[in-house]
Amino acid sequence: SGMGFMVEILPGSPMQMLAAWLTFATDGSQTWIVGVGPVADHEATLQATQVVGSGARFPPNFDPANVHSQSWGVLTFSFSDCNHGHVDWSSSIAGYASGGMDLTRLTLPAGLTCPAVPTVQAASHSKSP
């Protein structure tokens, strides 16, 4: 689709989620929205920045003075299992507003498996009627 997330869980206490959203700016140009934040249970709330600037060039002509990061807003991820999740966003930049979308894992690193979510954890996140 030309748009997606790259997500990594970083070790530590608490663990941190790093997410890079490869998407499009309000003017249709490509942009990266990158965030990091703590993981708690099956959720992570990330403070995100957006890489902006004009005049950046492919190496060896790249000049870091031509790009910078600006505060973008908040990304909130939740996961029902290791293959399915949801992201909600709320941007502080005009034109992006708030929204959300479901996520499905496309790849799994070689040698890793996707364990089933234990019944106790799954039940603790169910909603009462």
Protein backbone atom coordinates (compact mmCIF):
# COMPACT_ATOMS: atom_id res chain seq x y z
CA SER A 1 0.00 0.00 0.00
CA GLY A 2 3.01 2.30 0.32
CA MET A 3 2.35 2.88 4.01
CA GLY A 4 3.10 0.90 7.16
CA PHE A 5 4.76 0.56 10.53
CA MET A 6 8.07 -0.92 11.58
CA VAL A 7 7.87 -1.87 15.25
CA GLU A 8 10.51 -3.07 17.68
CA ILE A 9 10.33 -3.85 21.39
CA LEU A 10 13.42 -2.62 23.23
CA PRO A 11 14.72 -4.27 26.41
CA GLY A 12 14.70 -2.49 29.73
CA SER A 13 12.50 -1.87 32.70
CA PRO A 14 9.99 -0.98 31.56
CA MET A 15 10.31 -2.34 28.03
CA GLN A 16 9.94 0.33 25.36
CA MET A 17 8.27 0.20 21.97
CA LEU A 18 9.91 1.95 19.04
CA ALA A 19 7.66 2.51 16.02
CA ALA A 20 8.35 4.19 12.70
CA TRP A 21 5.28 5.02 10.61
CA LEU A 22 6.21 5.32 6.96
CA THR A 23 3.30 7.34 5.63
CA PHE A 24 2.36 10.50 3.78
CA ALA A 25 2.21 14.11 4.93
CA THR A 26 -0.89 16.25 4.50
CA ASP A 27 0.58 17.64 1.25
CA GLY A 28 1.01 14.11 -0.19
CA SER A 29 4.79 13.92 0.25
CA GLN A 30 6.39 10.97 2.02
CA THR A 31 7.08 11.34 5.73
CA TRP A 32 8.27 9.37 8.75
CA ILE A 33 6.52 9.62 12.10
CA VAL A 34 8.65 8.01 14.79
CA GLY A 35 7.81 7.40 18.43
CA VAL A 36 9.02 5.62 21.53
CA GLY A 37 7.23 4.85 24.77
CA PRO A 38 6.75 2.31 27.57
CA VAL A 39 4.98 -1.03 27.11
CA ALA A 40 2.38 -1.95 29.75
CA ASP A 41 0.42 -5.21 29.38
CA HIS A 42 -0.73 -5.28 25.74
CA GLU A 43 -0.46 -1.53 25.15
CA ALA A 44 2.13 1.14 24.44
CA THR A 45 1.74 4.92 24.31
CA LEU A 46 4.41 6.64 22.24
CA GLN A 47 5.36 10.30 22.03
CA ALA A 48 5.94 10.82 18.31
CA THR A 49 8.00 13.18 16.20
CA GLN A 50 7.87 13.84 12.48
CA VAL A 51 10.92 14.17 10.27
CA VAL A 52 10.50 17.35 8.21
CA GLY A 53 12.55 19.55 5.94
CA SER A 54 13.30 20.11 2.31
CA GLY A 55 16.52 19.75 0.46
CA ALA A 56 17.63 16.44 1.96
CA ARG A 57 19.61 14.37 -0.53
CA PHE A 58 20.67 10.76 -0.92
CA PRO A 59 24.23 10.02 0.36
CA PRO A 60 26.89 11.19 -0.18
CA ASN A 61 25.07 14.51 -0.65
CA PHE A 62 23.01 14.21 2.57
CA ASP A 63 23.23 17.26 4.84
CA PRO A 64 21.59 16.78 8.26
CA ALA A 65 21.11 20.55 8.50
CA ASN A 66 18.37 20.21 5.86
CA VAL A 67 16.07 18.04 8.01
CA HIS A 68 14.84 18.11 11.59
CA SER A 69 12.28 16.48 13.89
CA GLN A 70 9.23 18.25 15.28
CA SER A 71 6.79 17.05 17.92
CA TRP A 72 3.90 15.33 16.12
CA GLY A 73 1.60 13.89 18.79
CA VAL A 74 0.75 10.54 20.39
CA LEU A 75 0.47 7.00 18.99
CA THR A 76 -1.30 4.43 21.18
CA PHE A 77 -0.86 0.78 20.21
CA SER A 78 -2.86 -2.16 21.58
CA PHE A 79 -2.44 -5.81 20.63
CA SER A 80 -4.89 -8.72 20.83
CA ASP A 81 -2.14 -11.22 19.94
CA CYS A 82 1.28 -11.12 18.33
CA ASN A 83 -0.21 -10.83 14.82
CA HIS A 84 -3.04 -8.32 15.33
CA GLY A 85 -3.27 -4.89 16.85
CA HIS A 86 -4.72 -1.43 16.61
CA VAL A 87 -3.19 2.04 16.62
CA ASP A 88 -4.92 5.28 17.58
CA TRP A 89 -3.29 8.63 16.92
CA SER A 90 -3.78 12.19 18.00
CA SER A 91 -1.62 14.79 16.28
CA SER A 92 -0.79 18.28 17.44
CA ILE A 93 -0.05 19.31 13.84
CA ALA A 94 -2.85 20.83 11.75
CA GLY A 95 -4.27 18.55 9.08
CA TYR A 96 -3.55 15.19 10.75
CA ALA A 97 -6.26 15.29 13.43
CA SER A 98 -7.07 12.04 15.25
CA GLY A 99 -7.85 8.57 13.98
CA GLY A 100 -7.12 4.90 14.23
CA MET A 101 -6.68 1.72 12.22
CA ASP A 102 -6.30 -2.01 12.68
CA LEU A 103 -2.89 -3.60 12.17
CA THR A 104 -1.84 -7.04 10.92
CA ARG A 105 1.73 -8.36 11.09
CA LEU A 106 3.20 -8.99 7.62
CA THR A 107 6.52 -10.57 8.62
CA LEU A 108 8.05 -12.58 11.46
CA PRO A 109 11.83 -12.57 11.96
CA ALA A 110 13.48 -15.89 11.07
CA GLY A 111 13.70 -18.28 14.01
CA LEU A 112 10.95 -16.61 16.06
CA THR A 113 7.49 -17.98 16.72
CA CYS A 114 4.21 -16.35 17.60
CA PRO A 115 2.93 -17.88 20.85
CA ALA A 116 -0.78 -18.09 21.58
CA VAL A 117 -2.15 -15.51 24.02
CA PRO A 118 -2.89 -17.29 27.33
CA THR A 119 -6.59 -17.50 28.17
CA VAL A 120 -6.14 -15.56 31.44
CA GLN A 121 -4.60 -12.57 29.63
CA ALA A 122 -7.16 -12.68 26.84
CA ALA A 123 -10.03 -12.80 29.35
CA SER A 124 -8.66 -9.87 31.34
CA HIS A 125 -9.04 -7.62 28.29
CA SER A 126 -12.58 -8.62 27.38
CA LYS A 127 -15.37 -6.10 27.83
CA SER A 128 -18.52 -6.79 29.79
CA PRO A 129 -21.83 -6.49 27.92
